[in-house]
Amino acid sequence: MDLDLLRTPAPTITALTAPFWKAAEEGRLTIQHCEECDLHVFYPRPICPHCWSDKLVWKDASGRATLKAFSEVHKPGHPGWLPIVPYTVGVVELEEGPTMLTFILRDAGDELDVGAAVHMVPTRIGGRNMPAFKQSRSQERT
C-alpha cells in the first residue's frame, strides 16, 4: 500500500515545532543546536536540556543514525494505520547525538538489527513528508 494514502492524524504544529515540520516537508531533517554548549537537541524545546541556555538554533542533521530499538506494530493506536499492519517503529540515535522515535521503512524479508546503521528517507505518509529511516545497505554498526 502507498503510505501517502493513509488517513492518519496530522502532527500538531506550533511556533516551536514549525521549523522541524517545514524542513520535513522540504525533505530535510533539522534539529536544534545549542550555541552555548555545542550539543544538539531533539525534540524541539525553548531551552537546552543540557545547559539551560536559550541560544538554540536550527541546523540540518546528517540523516545518519544508529538503530537503538524497534518494535513491529500489529495493533495500532489509530485506525488510520490499519491498512499497513504490521509496520515497524524504532528509536534511532542521530549521528548528532539525540534520539528520536520514527517510522522504519523495510523491504520484504529485511531483518533489522539493533546497532545497525540507518539513514533518513523523506517519506510521504498521510499526505505529508515525514522523516522515516531505513537500514543502510552496508550493515555497518555505528
N, C-alpha and C. Protein backbone atom coordinates (compact mmCIF):
# COMPACT_ATOMS: atom_id res chain seq x y z
N MET A 1 0.84 -1.19 0.00
CA MET A 1 0.00 0.00 0.00
C MET A 1 0.88 1.25 0.00
N ASP A 2 0.43 2.27 -0.67
CA ASP A 2 1.09 3.56 -0.72
C ASP A 2 0.88 4.28 0.62
N LEU A 3 1.96 4.56 1.35
CA LEU A 3 1.86 5.21 2.66
C LEU A 3 1.21 6.59 2.57
N ASP A 4 1.32 7.23 1.42
CA ASP A 4 0.75 8.57 1.25
C ASP A 4 -0.78 8.53 1.30
N LEU A 5 -1.39 7.38 1.05
CA LEU A 5 -2.84 7.27 1.04
C LEU A 5 -3.44 7.02 2.43
N LEU A 6 -2.59 6.79 3.43
CA LEU A 6 -3.09 6.55 4.78
C LEU A 6 -3.83 7.78 5.30
N ARG A 7 -4.86 7.53 6.09
CA ARG A 7 -5.60 8.62 6.73
C ARG A 7 -5.22 8.64 8.21
N THR A 8 -4.05 9.19 8.47
CA THR A 8 -3.51 9.24 9.82
C THR A 8 -3.62 10.66 10.37
N PRO A 9 -3.57 10.83 11.69
CA PRO A 9 -3.64 12.17 12.26
C PRO A 9 -2.43 12.99 11.84
N ALA A 10 -2.65 14.27 11.62
CA ALA A 10 -1.56 15.17 11.28
C ALA A 10 -0.80 15.56 12.55
N PRO A 11 0.47 15.92 12.40
CA PRO A 11 1.21 16.38 13.58
C PRO A 11 0.65 17.72 14.06
N THR A 12 0.82 17.99 15.33
CA THR A 12 0.46 19.28 15.90
C THR A 12 1.63 20.22 15.65
N ILE A 13 1.39 21.27 14.88
CA ILE A 13 2.46 22.20 14.56
C ILE A 13 2.27 23.47 15.39
N THR A 14 3.31 23.82 16.15
CA THR A 14 3.31 25.03 16.96
C THR A 14 4.42 25.95 16.47
N ALA A 15 4.49 27.14 17.03
CA ALA A 15 5.58 28.06 16.66
C ALA A 15 6.93 27.41 16.94
N LEU A 16 7.04 26.64 18.01
CA LEU A 16 8.30 25.99 18.36
C LEU A 16 8.67 24.87 17.40
N THR A 17 7.68 24.08 16.94
CA THR A 17 7.97 22.93 16.08
C THR A 17 7.90 23.23 14.59
N ALA A 18 7.42 24.41 14.22
CA ALA A 18 7.24 24.75 12.80
C ALA A 18 8.51 24.58 11.96
N PRO A 19 9.71 24.98 12.43
CA PRO A 19 10.91 24.78 11.61
C PRO A 19 11.18 23.30 11.30
N PHE A 20 10.90 22.43 12.25
CA PHE A 20 11.10 20.99 12.03
C PHE A 20 10.17 20.51 10.92
N TRP A 21 8.87 20.87 11.01
CA TRP A 21 7.89 20.39 10.03
C TRP A 21 8.08 21.03 8.67
N LYS A 22 8.52 22.28 8.62
CA LYS A 22 8.82 22.93 7.33
C LYS A 22 9.96 22.20 6.64
N ALA A 23 11.02 21.89 7.39
CA ALA A 23 12.16 21.15 6.82
C ALA A 23 11.72 19.76 6.36
N ALA A 24 10.88 19.09 7.16
CA ALA A 24 10.39 17.76 6.78
C ALA A 24 9.65 17.83 5.46
N GLU A 25 8.82 18.85 5.29
CA GLU A 25 8.07 18.99 4.04
C GLU A 25 9.01 19.19 2.86
N GLU A 26 10.17 19.79 3.11
CA GLU A 26 11.19 20.00 2.07
C GLU A 26 12.12 18.80 1.92
N GLY A 27 11.88 17.73 2.69
CA GLY A 27 12.71 16.53 2.59
C GLY A 27 13.98 16.58 3.41
N ARG A 28 14.04 17.50 4.37
CA ARG A 28 15.23 17.64 5.22
C ARG A 28 14.88 17.28 6.66
N LEU A 29 15.90 16.89 7.42
CA LEU A 29 15.77 16.67 8.85
C LEU A 29 16.56 17.77 9.54
N THR A 30 15.87 18.61 10.28
CA THR A 30 16.54 19.68 11.01
C THR A 30 16.26 19.52 12.49
N ILE A 31 17.27 19.78 13.29
CA ILE A 31 17.14 19.68 14.75
C ILE A 31 17.79 20.91 15.37
N GLN A 32 17.51 21.14 16.62
CA GLN A 32 18.08 22.29 17.30
C GLN A 32 19.53 22.02 17.71
N HIS A 33 20.30 23.09 17.75
CA HIS A 33 21.70 23.04 18.18
C HIS A 33 21.91 24.18 19.17
N CYS A 34 22.54 23.88 20.30
CA CYS A 34 22.78 24.89 21.32
C CYS A 34 24.11 25.59 21.03
N GLU A 35 24.04 26.89 20.87
CA GLU A 35 25.25 27.67 20.61
C GLU A 35 26.09 27.87 21.87
N GLU A 36 25.52 27.57 23.02
CA GLU A 36 26.25 27.74 24.29
C GLU A 36 27.10 26.51 24.62
N CYS A 37 26.50 25.31 24.59
CA CYS A 37 27.23 24.09 24.97
C CYS A 37 27.63 23.23 23.77
N ASP A 38 27.20 23.62 22.56
CA ASP A 38 27.56 22.95 21.31
C ASP A 38 26.96 21.54 21.18
N LEU A 39 25.84 21.28 21.85
CA LEU A 39 25.17 19.99 21.73
C LEU A 39 23.88 20.15 20.94
N HIS A 40 23.46 19.05 20.31
CA HIS A 40 22.21 19.04 19.55
C HIS A 40 21.06 18.61 20.44
N VAL A 41 19.86 19.04 20.07
CA VAL A 41 18.67 18.81 20.88
C VAL A 41 17.53 18.31 19.99
N PHE A 42 16.87 17.27 20.43
CA PHE A 42 15.61 16.83 19.82
C PHE A 42 14.84 16.15 20.93
N TYR A 43 13.67 16.44 21.04
CA TYR A 43 12.59 17.12 20.41
C TYR A 43 12.74 18.63 20.62
N PRO A 44 12.05 19.45 19.82
CA PRO A 44 12.18 20.91 19.93
C PRO A 44 11.79 21.43 21.32
N ARG A 45 12.62 22.34 21.84
CA ARG A 45 12.39 22.91 23.18
C ARG A 45 12.77 24.38 23.17
N PRO A 46 12.26 25.13 24.14
CA PRO A 46 12.63 26.56 24.22
C PRO A 46 14.00 26.78 24.86
N ILE A 47 14.47 25.81 25.67
CA ILE A 47 15.79 25.93 26.29
C ILE A 47 16.54 24.61 26.15
N CYS A 48 17.85 24.68 26.18
CA CYS A 48 18.70 23.50 26.06
C CYS A 48 18.59 22.63 27.31
N PRO A 49 18.31 21.34 27.15
CA PRO A 49 18.22 20.47 28.33
C PRO A 49 19.58 20.14 28.94
N HIS A 50 20.65 20.49 28.24
CA HIS A 50 22.00 20.19 28.72
C HIS A 50 22.56 21.31 29.59
N CYS A 51 22.35 22.58 29.17
CA CYS A 51 22.97 23.70 29.88
C CYS A 51 21.98 24.81 30.24
N TRP A 52 20.72 24.66 29.86
CA TRP A 52 19.63 25.60 30.17
C TRP A 52 19.72 26.92 29.40
N SER A 53 20.54 26.98 28.38
CA SER A 53 20.64 28.18 27.55
C SER A 53 19.43 28.28 26.62
N ASP A 54 19.09 29.50 26.26
CA ASP A 54 18.02 29.70 25.27
C ASP A 54 18.61 30.00 23.89
N LYS A 55 19.90 29.74 23.72
CA LYS A 55 20.58 30.01 22.44
C LYS A 55 20.52 28.79 21.52
N LEU A 56 19.29 28.41 21.18
CA LEU A 56 19.07 27.27 20.30
C LEU A 56 18.80 27.75 18.88
N VAL A 57 19.48 27.15 17.92
CA VAL A 57 19.29 27.45 16.51
C VAL A 57 18.98 26.14 15.79
N TRP A 58 18.36 26.24 14.62
CA TRP A 58 18.02 25.07 13.83
C TRP A 58 19.14 24.78 12.84
N LYS A 59 19.58 23.51 12.79
CA LYS A 59 20.60 23.08 11.83
C LYS A 59 20.17 21.76 11.21
N ASP A 60 20.48 21.61 9.91
CA ASP A 60 20.17 20.35 9.26
C ASP A 60 21.03 19.23 9.84
N ALA A 61 20.40 18.10 10.10
CA ALA A 61 21.11 16.91 10.58
C ALA A 61 21.61 16.11 9.38
N SER A 62 22.58 15.25 9.63
CA SER A 62 23.17 14.44 8.55
C SER A 62 22.19 13.42 7.99
N GLY A 63 21.24 12.99 8.81
CA GLY A 63 20.32 11.94 8.38
C GLY A 63 20.85 10.54 8.67
N ARG A 64 22.07 10.46 9.22
CA ARG A 64 22.64 9.16 9.58
C ARG A 64 22.37 8.89 11.06
N ALA A 65 22.11 7.63 11.37
CA ALA A 65 21.76 7.27 12.74
C ALA A 65 22.07 5.80 13.00
N THR A 66 21.88 5.42 14.26
CA THR A 66 22.03 4.03 14.69
C THR A 66 20.69 3.57 15.26
N LEU A 67 20.25 2.39 14.86
CA LEU A 67 19.01 1.83 15.37
C LEU A 67 19.24 1.35 16.80
N LYS A 68 18.54 1.95 17.75
CA LYS A 68 18.70 1.60 19.17
C LYS A 68 17.67 0.58 19.64
N ALA A 69 16.47 0.63 19.07
CA ALA A 69 15.40 -0.30 19.45
C ALA A 69 14.33 -0.23 18.38
N PHE A 70 13.54 -1.30 18.25
CA PHE A 70 12.44 -1.28 17.30
C PHE A 70 11.35 -2.24 17.75
N SER A 71 10.16 -2.01 17.20
CA SER A 71 9.03 -2.85 17.51
C SER A 71 8.14 -2.97 16.28
N GLU A 72 7.62 -4.15 16.07
CA GLU A 72 6.67 -4.36 14.99
C GLU A 72 5.28 -4.16 15.56
N VAL A 73 4.53 -3.25 14.96
CA VAL A 73 3.20 -2.89 15.45
C VAL A 73 2.14 -3.71 14.71
N HIS A 74 1.37 -4.47 15.49
CA HIS A 74 0.28 -5.28 14.92
C HIS A 74 -1.08 -4.68 15.26
N LYS A 75 -1.14 -3.87 16.32
CA LYS A 75 -2.39 -3.27 16.77
C LYS A 75 -2.14 -1.78 16.98
N PRO A 76 -2.35 -0.98 15.91
CA PRO A 76 -2.03 0.45 16.00
C PRO A 76 -2.95 1.21 16.94
N GLY A 77 -2.45 2.34 17.43
CA GLY A 77 -3.22 3.19 18.32
C GLY A 77 -4.25 4.04 17.60
N HIS A 78 -4.17 4.09 16.26
CA HIS A 78 -5.14 4.85 15.47
C HIS A 78 -5.55 4.00 14.27
N PRO A 79 -6.84 3.97 13.93
CA PRO A 79 -7.30 3.13 12.82
C PRO A 79 -6.72 3.50 11.46
N GLY A 80 -6.20 4.69 11.31
CA GLY A 80 -5.60 5.10 10.04
C GLY A 80 -4.41 4.26 9.63
N TRP A 81 -3.78 3.62 10.61
CA TRP A 81 -2.60 2.79 10.33
C TRP A 81 -2.96 1.33 10.01
N LEU A 82 -4.22 0.92 10.20
CA LEU A 82 -4.63 -0.47 10.00
C LEU A 82 -4.29 -1.04 8.62
N PRO A 83 -4.39 -0.27 7.52
CA PRO A 83 -4.10 -0.85 6.21
C PRO A 83 -2.66 -1.36 6.03
N ILE A 84 -1.74 -0.95 6.89
CA ILE A 84 -0.34 -1.37 6.67
C ILE A 84 0.21 -2.26 7.79
N VAL A 85 -0.63 -2.70 8.74
CA VAL A 85 -0.10 -3.56 9.80
C VAL A 85 0.33 -4.89 9.20
N PRO A 86 1.38 -5.51 9.71
CA PRO A 86 2.28 -4.93 10.70
C PRO A 86 3.26 -3.94 10.07
N TYR A 87 3.63 -2.93 10.86
CA TYR A 87 4.64 -1.97 10.44
C TYR A 87 5.64 -1.80 11.58
N THR A 88 6.73 -1.13 11.30
CA THR A 88 7.81 -1.04 12.28
C THR A 88 8.07 0.40 12.69
N VAL A 89 8.19 0.61 13.99
CA VAL A 89 8.65 1.88 14.53
C VAL A 89 9.93 1.61 15.29
N GLY A 90 10.76 2.62 15.42
CA GLY A 90 12.01 2.41 16.12
C GLY A 90 12.52 3.68 16.76
N VAL A 91 13.46 3.50 17.65
CA VAL A 91 14.20 4.62 18.24
C VAL A 91 15.56 4.62 17.58
N VAL A 92 15.91 5.77 16.99
CA VAL A 92 17.22 5.90 16.36
C VAL A 92 18.02 6.97 17.10
N GLU A 93 19.32 6.74 17.20
CA GLU A 93 20.21 7.75 17.76
C GLU A 93 20.87 8.46 16.59
N LEU A 94 20.56 9.73 16.44
CA LEU A 94 21.11 10.50 15.34
C LEU A 94 22.62 10.65 15.50
N GLU A 95 23.32 10.75 14.40
CA GLU A 95 24.77 10.95 14.42
C GLU A 95 25.14 12.15 15.30
N GLU A 96 24.24 13.13 15.36
CA GLU A 96 24.48 14.34 16.15
C GLU A 96 24.25 14.14 17.65
N GLY A 97 23.68 12.99 18.05
CA GLY A 97 23.52 12.69 19.46
C GLY A 97 22.13 12.41 19.96
N PRO A 98 21.12 13.24 19.63
CA PRO A 98 19.77 12.98 20.15
C PRO A 98 19.15 11.70 19.58
N THR A 99 18.15 11.20 20.29
CA THR A 99 17.38 10.06 19.80
C THR A 99 16.01 10.55 19.36
N MET A 100 15.39 9.77 18.47
CA MET A 100 14.03 10.09 18.05
C MET A 100 13.27 8.82 17.72
N LEU A 101 11.97 8.85 17.99
CA LEU A 101 11.07 7.78 17.61
C LEU A 101 10.66 8.03 16.17
N THR A 102 10.67 6.99 15.33
CA THR A 102 10.42 7.19 13.92
C THR A 102 9.83 5.95 13.27
N PHE A 103 9.25 6.14 12.11
CA PHE A 103 8.77 5.05 11.27
C PHE A 103 9.99 4.41 10.60
N ILE A 104 10.05 3.08 10.60
CA ILE A 104 11.16 2.37 9.98
C ILE A 104 10.67 1.73 8.68
N LEU A 105 11.30 2.10 7.58
CA LEU A 105 10.98 1.53 6.27
C LEU A 105 11.68 0.19 6.12
N ARG A 106 10.95 -0.81 5.64
CA ARG A 106 11.53 -2.14 5.44
C ARG A 106 11.06 -2.71 4.12
N ASP A 107 11.96 -3.39 3.44
CA ASP A 107 11.58 -4.16 2.26
C ASP A 107 11.23 -5.56 2.73
N ALA A 108 10.45 -6.28 1.96
CA ALA A 108 10.07 -7.65 2.32
C ALA A 108 11.34 -8.46 2.59
N GLY A 109 11.36 -9.16 3.69
CA GLY A 109 12.50 -10.01 4.04
C GLY A 109 13.62 -9.30 4.77
N ASP A 110 13.54 -7.97 4.91
CA ASP A 110 14.58 -7.24 5.65
C ASP A 110 14.60 -7.67 7.11
N GLU A 111 15.77 -8.00 7.60
CA GLU A 111 15.97 -8.27 9.02
C GLU A 111 16.59 -7.04 9.65
N LEU A 112 16.03 -6.57 10.73
CA LEU A 112 16.58 -5.42 11.43
C LEU A 112 17.48 -5.88 12.56
N ASP A 113 18.52 -5.10 12.80
CA ASP A 113 19.45 -5.39 13.89
C ASP A 113 19.64 -4.15 14.74
N VAL A 114 19.44 -4.28 16.05
CA VAL A 114 19.78 -3.18 16.94
C VAL A 114 21.27 -2.91 16.77
N GLY A 115 21.63 -1.64 16.67
CA GLY A 115 23.02 -1.25 16.44
C GLY A 115 23.35 -1.03 14.98
N ALA A 116 22.42 -1.36 14.08
CA ALA A 116 22.66 -1.21 12.65
C ALA A 116 22.63 0.26 12.25
N ALA A 117 23.38 0.60 11.22
CA ALA A 117 23.35 1.94 10.65
C ALA A 117 22.04 2.11 9.89
N VAL A 118 21.40 3.25 10.08
CA VAL A 118 20.19 3.60 9.36
C VAL A 118 20.36 5.01 8.81
N HIS A 119 19.54 5.35 7.83
CA HIS A 119 19.61 6.69 7.26
C HIS A 119 18.19 7.20 7.02
N MET A 120 18.04 8.53 7.08
CA MET A 120 16.75 9.17 6.91
C MET A 120 16.33 9.14 5.45
N VAL A 121 15.08 8.80 5.24
CA VAL A 121 14.49 8.79 3.91
C VAL A 121 13.20 9.62 3.99
N PRO A 122 13.14 10.80 3.35
CA PRO A 122 11.89 11.56 3.38
C PRO A 122 10.78 10.71 2.76
N THR A 123 9.67 10.57 3.48
CA THR A 123 8.62 9.65 3.07
C THR A 123 7.25 10.32 3.18
N ARG A 124 6.45 10.20 2.12
CA ARG A 124 5.09 10.73 2.15
C ARG A 124 4.21 9.76 2.92
N ILE A 125 3.70 10.23 4.06
CA ILE A 125 2.80 9.42 4.89
C ILE A 125 1.58 10.29 5.18
N GLY A 126 0.42 9.81 4.76
CA GLY A 126 -0.82 10.52 5.05
C GLY A 126 -0.87 11.94 4.51
N GLY A 127 -0.25 12.17 3.36
CA GLY A 127 -0.34 13.47 2.73
C GLY A 127 0.72 14.49 3.12
N ARG A 128 1.73 14.06 3.86
CA ARG A 128 2.80 14.99 4.26
C ARG A 128 4.13 14.26 4.32
N ASN A 129 5.21 14.98 4.12
CA ASN A 129 6.54 14.39 4.23
C ASN A 129 6.91 14.19 5.68
N MET A 130 7.44 13.02 5.97
CA MET A 130 7.87 12.68 7.33
C MET A 130 9.29 12.12 7.25
N PRO A 131 10.10 12.35 8.28
CA PRO A 131 11.43 11.75 8.29
C PRO A 131 11.35 10.30 8.78
N ALA A 132 11.39 9.36 7.86
CA ALA A 132 11.42 7.93 8.20
C ALA A 132 12.86 7.46 8.05
N PHE A 133 13.17 6.28 8.56
CA PHE A 133 14.54 5.76 8.48
C PHE A 133 14.54 4.36 7.89
N LYS A 134 15.62 4.02 7.24
CA LYS A 134 15.79 2.72 6.60
C LYS A 134 17.19 2.21 6.93
N GLN A 135 17.29 0.90 7.16
CA GLN A 135 18.59 0.31 7.46
C GLN A 135 19.51 0.50 6.26
N SER A 136 20.72 0.95 6.52
CA SER A 136 21.69 1.17 5.45
C SER A 136 22.18 -0.14 4.89
N ARG A 137 22.46 -0.18 3.62
CA ARG A 137 22.88 -1.42 2.95
C ARG A 137 24.19 -1.96 3.47
N SER A 138 25.07 -1.07 3.93
CA SER A 138 26.42 -1.50 4.35
C SER A 138 26.38 -2.39 5.59
N GLN A 139 25.27 -2.29 6.36
CA GLN A 139 25.12 -3.07 7.59
C GLN A 139 26.20 -2.78 8.63
N GLU A 140 26.91 -1.67 8.47
CA GLU A 140 27.95 -1.31 9.44
C GLU A 140 27.28 -0.93 10.75
N ARG A 141 27.91 -1.27 11.82
CA ARG A 141 27.46 -0.84 13.13
C ARG A 141 28.14 0.49 13.43
N THR A 142 27.35 1.42 13.95
CA THR A 142 27.92 2.73 14.25
C THR A 142 28.07 2.91 15.74
